[in-house]
Amino acid sequence: MAVIYHNPRCSKSRQTLEILRESNVETNVILYMETPIEQATLLSLLKMLGITPSQLIRRNEADFKRLHLDNDDTTDEDLVNAMIEYPNLMERPIVVHNNTAVIGRPPENVHKIL
């Protein structure tokens, strides 16, 4: 079973979900904008992705600038906490399958873990 952290308003997220469905992969859809991600889950996702919080955060979002997350003093913990409080800051979609994760940008990235 795959898990997708999905935002239905995002075209890349919708396209990635469609690839999963076309591949007949049973998928648990988590609407992360409605259901907050817990810190332990986000840290686990980062580990599976093999990236840092600064690589997962969306720097062009208004909240990123408003929260001054581009400061040199901003820590990984600050970024993780910001993504938990403001899930729109998290790059999307994230797909987990067989204890491996990818970001569906481009959506075809999901084929790497199927």
Protein backbone atom coordinates (compact mmCIF):
# COMPACT_ATOMS: atom_id res chain seq x y z
CA MET A 1 0.00 0.00 0.00
CA ALA A 2 1.18 3.50 -0.82
CA VAL A 3 0.49 6.65 1.15
CA ILE A 4 0.16 10.02 -0.55
CA TYR A 5 0.22 13.31 1.31
CA HIS A 6 -2.19 14.99 -1.05
CA ASN A 7 -3.46 18.49 -1.71
CA PRO A 8 -6.41 18.26 -4.13
CA ARG A 9 -5.88 21.90 -5.14
CA CYS A 10 -2.40 21.09 -6.50
CA SER A 11 -2.23 19.86 -10.11
CA LYS A 12 1.00 17.91 -9.48
CA SER A 13 -0.61 16.19 -6.51
CA ARG A 14 -3.68 15.26 -8.57
CA GLN A 15 -1.48 13.96 -11.40
CA THR A 16 0.60 11.88 -8.98
CA LEU A 17 -2.53 10.38 -7.43
CA GLU A 18 -3.78 9.51 -10.92
CA ILE A 19 -0.51 7.67 -11.68
CA LEU A 20 -0.93 5.66 -8.48
CA ARG A 21 -4.49 4.75 -9.43
CA GLU A 22 -3.53 3.86 -13.01
CA SER A 23 -0.78 1.63 -11.59
CA ASN A 24 -3.41 -0.19 -9.49
CA VAL A 25 -1.54 0.63 -6.30
CA GLU A 26 -3.74 0.61 -3.22
CA THR A 27 -3.35 4.10 -1.81
CA ASN A 28 -4.12 5.76 1.49
CA VAL A 29 -4.79 9.43 0.75
CA ILE A 30 -3.88 11.84 3.54
CA LEU A 31 -5.24 15.33 3.07
CA TYR A 32 -2.40 16.97 4.95
CA MET A 33 -3.88 20.46 4.64
CA GLU A 34 -6.86 19.25 6.71
CA THR A 35 -5.14 16.69 8.94
CA PRO A 36 -2.02 18.15 10.55
CA ILE A 37 1.15 16.09 10.26
CA GLU A 38 2.76 15.22 13.57
CA GLN A 39 6.39 16.09 14.13
CA ALA A 40 7.49 12.44 14.30
CA THR A 41 5.76 11.74 10.97
CA LEU A 42 7.39 14.72 9.27
CA LEU A 43 10.82 13.73 10.59
CA SER A 44 10.25 10.18 9.34
CA LEU A 45 9.25 11.50 5.90
CA LEU A 46 12.40 13.62 5.75
CA LYS A 47 14.50 10.57 6.59
CA MET A 48 12.79 8.43 3.93
CA LEU A 49 13.21 11.22 1.39
CA GLY A 50 16.86 11.64 2.36
CA ILE A 51 16.56 15.42 2.47
CA THR A 52 16.74 18.25 4.99
CA PRO A 53 13.84 20.44 6.08
CA SER A 54 15.23 23.29 3.97
CA GLN A 55 14.93 21.06 0.89
CA LEU A 56 11.28 20.26 1.63
CA ILE A 57 10.08 23.77 2.35
CA ARG A 58 8.41 25.88 -0.33
CA ARG A 59 10.35 29.12 -0.35
CA ASN A 60 7.95 31.00 -2.64
CA GLU A 61 5.00 30.76 -0.27
CA ALA A 62 3.90 34.01 1.38
CA ASP A 63 4.09 32.36 4.82
CA PHE A 64 7.78 31.55 4.25
CA LYS A 65 8.56 35.23 3.78
CA ARG A 66 6.14 36.44 6.45
CA LEU A 67 7.68 34.14 9.05
CA HIS A 68 11.21 35.26 8.04
CA LEU A 69 12.28 31.66 7.52
CA ASP A 70 15.02 32.79 5.15
CA ASN A 71 17.01 34.14 8.12
CA ASP A 72 20.50 32.76 8.68
CA ASP A 73 19.40 32.02 12.26
CA THR A 74 16.58 29.68 11.16
CA THR A 75 17.21 26.10 12.31
CA ASP A 76 15.95 22.80 10.91
CA GLU A 77 13.70 22.60 13.96
CA ASP A 78 12.23 26.01 13.10
CA LEU A 79 11.49 24.81 9.56
CA VAL A 80 9.91 21.57 10.75
CA ASN A 81 7.71 23.46 13.21
CA ALA A 82 6.71 25.94 10.50
CA MET A 83 5.70 23.12 8.11
CA ILE A 84 3.62 21.52 10.87
CA GLU A 85 1.84 24.78 11.66
CA TYR A 86 1.62 25.93 8.03
CA PRO A 87 1.35 22.76 5.91
CA ASN A 88 1.20 24.83 2.72
CA LEU A 89 4.95 25.34 3.23
CA MET A 90 5.62 21.65 2.59
CA GLU A 91 6.57 20.52 -0.91
CA ARG A 92 3.93 18.23 -2.34
CA PRO A 93 2.86 15.61 -2.96
CA ILE A 94 4.88 13.13 -0.94
CA VAL A 95 4.35 9.45 -1.72
CA VAL A 96 5.54 6.64 0.54
CA HIS A 97 5.71 3.04 -0.66
CA ASN A 98 7.76 0.16 0.76
CA ASN A 99 9.46 2.44 3.33
CA THR A 100 10.73 4.74 0.58
CA ALA A 101 9.42 8.20 -0.25
CA VAL A 102 9.52 10.59 -3.18
CA ILE A 103 8.18 14.03 -3.91
CA GLY A 104 5.85 13.93 -6.91
CA ARG A 105 7.53 16.79 -8.76
CA PRO A 106 7.36 15.84 -11.50
CA PRO A 107 4.54 13.36 -10.92
CA GLU A 108 6.48 10.66 -12.79
CA ASN A 109 8.91 10.52 -9.83
CA VAL A 110 6.43 8.15 -8.20
CA HIS A 111 7.46 5.41 -10.67
CA LYS A 112 10.84 5.26 -8.86
CA ILE A 113 9.24 3.62 -5.82
CA LEU A 114 6.49 1.50 -7.37
